[in-house]
Amino acid sequence: MPLPPGVTLPRRLGWPDAAAIIVSNVIGGGILFTPPQVASSVQRPWLFLGVWWVGGALAFAGAMAYAELATLRPRAGGEYVYLTAAYGRLVGFLTGWTSFVAGFSGAIAVSAVVMASYIGRFAPAASDVSPLIVAPIPWVRVTISRQTLVALAVIALMAWIHRRGIGPGRIVGNVLAALKVSALVVFIALGFSIGAGSMVHLQPAGQRVAASAWLLTLIPVMFTYSGWNAASYVAEEIRDPGRNVPLALGVGTIAVVAVYSLLNLLYLYVMPLSELAAVQGSVLDVIADRLLGLRAGDVMGIVSILSLAASISAMTLAGPRVYYAMARDGLFFQAAARIHPRFETPAASIAAQAAWSGLLVISGGASALTRYTGFAIVLFSGLAVSAVFALRQSEPDASRPFRALGYPLAPAIFVAASLLIVVAAIYNDPVPSGWGLAIMAIGVPLYLLQARRRPAMPAGGRETRLTSG
């Protein structure tokens, strides 16, 4: 049976904690590998920087729309809650299903494997992909190597920390976020002050860029910004959500945009756009080697490890709140709604996500799943922002402690841009997008099965605290 209406997790997070979740969730592997891809499509320096600024502006517009939604419904679950309210339980279920199958779990698995490879720079055995155990089963080949063991250990460690309470998880997340941002800021400052570079690289040059090509580059840029909405998943646990949720979303997103803008400006300061486009692997390592010498690559390897660890920590915190919210509404396995009697965390949801992420690691399916469903991140965030319009229409008199900045223009632009990005992704990459749509479609019969077994949960209800399983 669904849990009683209004049951909530305890509010123990302040706005800096929630902002740190955003910074940790967004600044991960994307900014290490995406800039060369963007540079290869946009061969003019200021247009290259411009696409990052436009992506940042879109992320901020989306964050402000989410701030209104999160203060209207300050519950765990993020867009699952908003889409359910605006468009029905099936749409809400599909975003939660996609998050579990690939959105969070797949991203955690990919990040853990990449982190293991970086650890291998200092302990070579950690990146050893030589199979120790191979267990072929129908349609899947399970492979255990030293690299997968390290990745599994990282996933298990983060799950254990966040299972033990929002306090330990908050401390670890805040420390990792602070170390990551501090290291990047110091690196940027050193790069511009003592590094070998030239502002000549910013002078206009290169081929003309078609408007359509420039728009297409927004796809990888928006994927790199994805995670700006992370604070909304834990809105139920933020004190004074009417004030602190918008503050966290605004500060966290602006911080990410500032770091990304300065990093990309530094990339162009160090090398021409044509050379940036030719970089293979992590551009941060290449830039560090050029600026500060060969050993600087080792330093940035440590920064990359911290960055990936912070991202895994943030996703381990945020993702289970979606499954917890679904289970609380009777749309997911009921065990996922259980709160640990001592730690007051959705322990079963955390364990389930970690287990699925681990399975993706040893099966090698994480990269494919995240590629297949990458467009779904933009799709569901665009739908969630459109929920601002739907809920203002259906609930005009509801209390809104915060209203989206720039309404209606800013959220409308975000929704339109999201639609264009999704259409472009499906048109230009139809096979993986088709697989992604198929994965999402699998959620439909699962929803019907759950909906048949679970009665609809009444809306509203008095807020209570659940402190035992």
Foldseek 3Di string as FASTA:
>chain_A
DFAAPQAFFAADDFLVLLLLLLLLQQQACLLFPLLLVLLVLDVWQVLSLVLLVVLLLLLLLLLLLQLQVCLLPVGAARLLVLCCVQPNNLLSLLVLLLCLQFVLLLLLLVLLLVLQCLVCVVVVQSNDQPFPDWDDDPPFIFTDGSVLVSSLVLLVVLLVQPLQAPVSLSVLLSVLSVVLLVVLVVVLVLLVPQFDFAPVLNPTDDDDHDPVSSLLSNLSSNLSSPSLNQSSNNSSRHPPSLPSSSVSSNVSSVSNSVSSSSVSSSLSRHDHSVVSNVDDGGSVLVSLCRTPNNCSSNVVSVSNSSSSSSNSSSSLQRSLSNQLVCLSQQQHPVLQVFAALPRSHSSVSSVSSSVSSSRCNRRVPSVLSCLLQVLVSLVSSLVSSCSSVSCCVVPVPRDRSRHRPPPPPSSVVSNVSSVVNSVVCCVVPVPSPVVNVVSSVVSVVSRVVSPVVDPGHDPDDHNDYDNHD
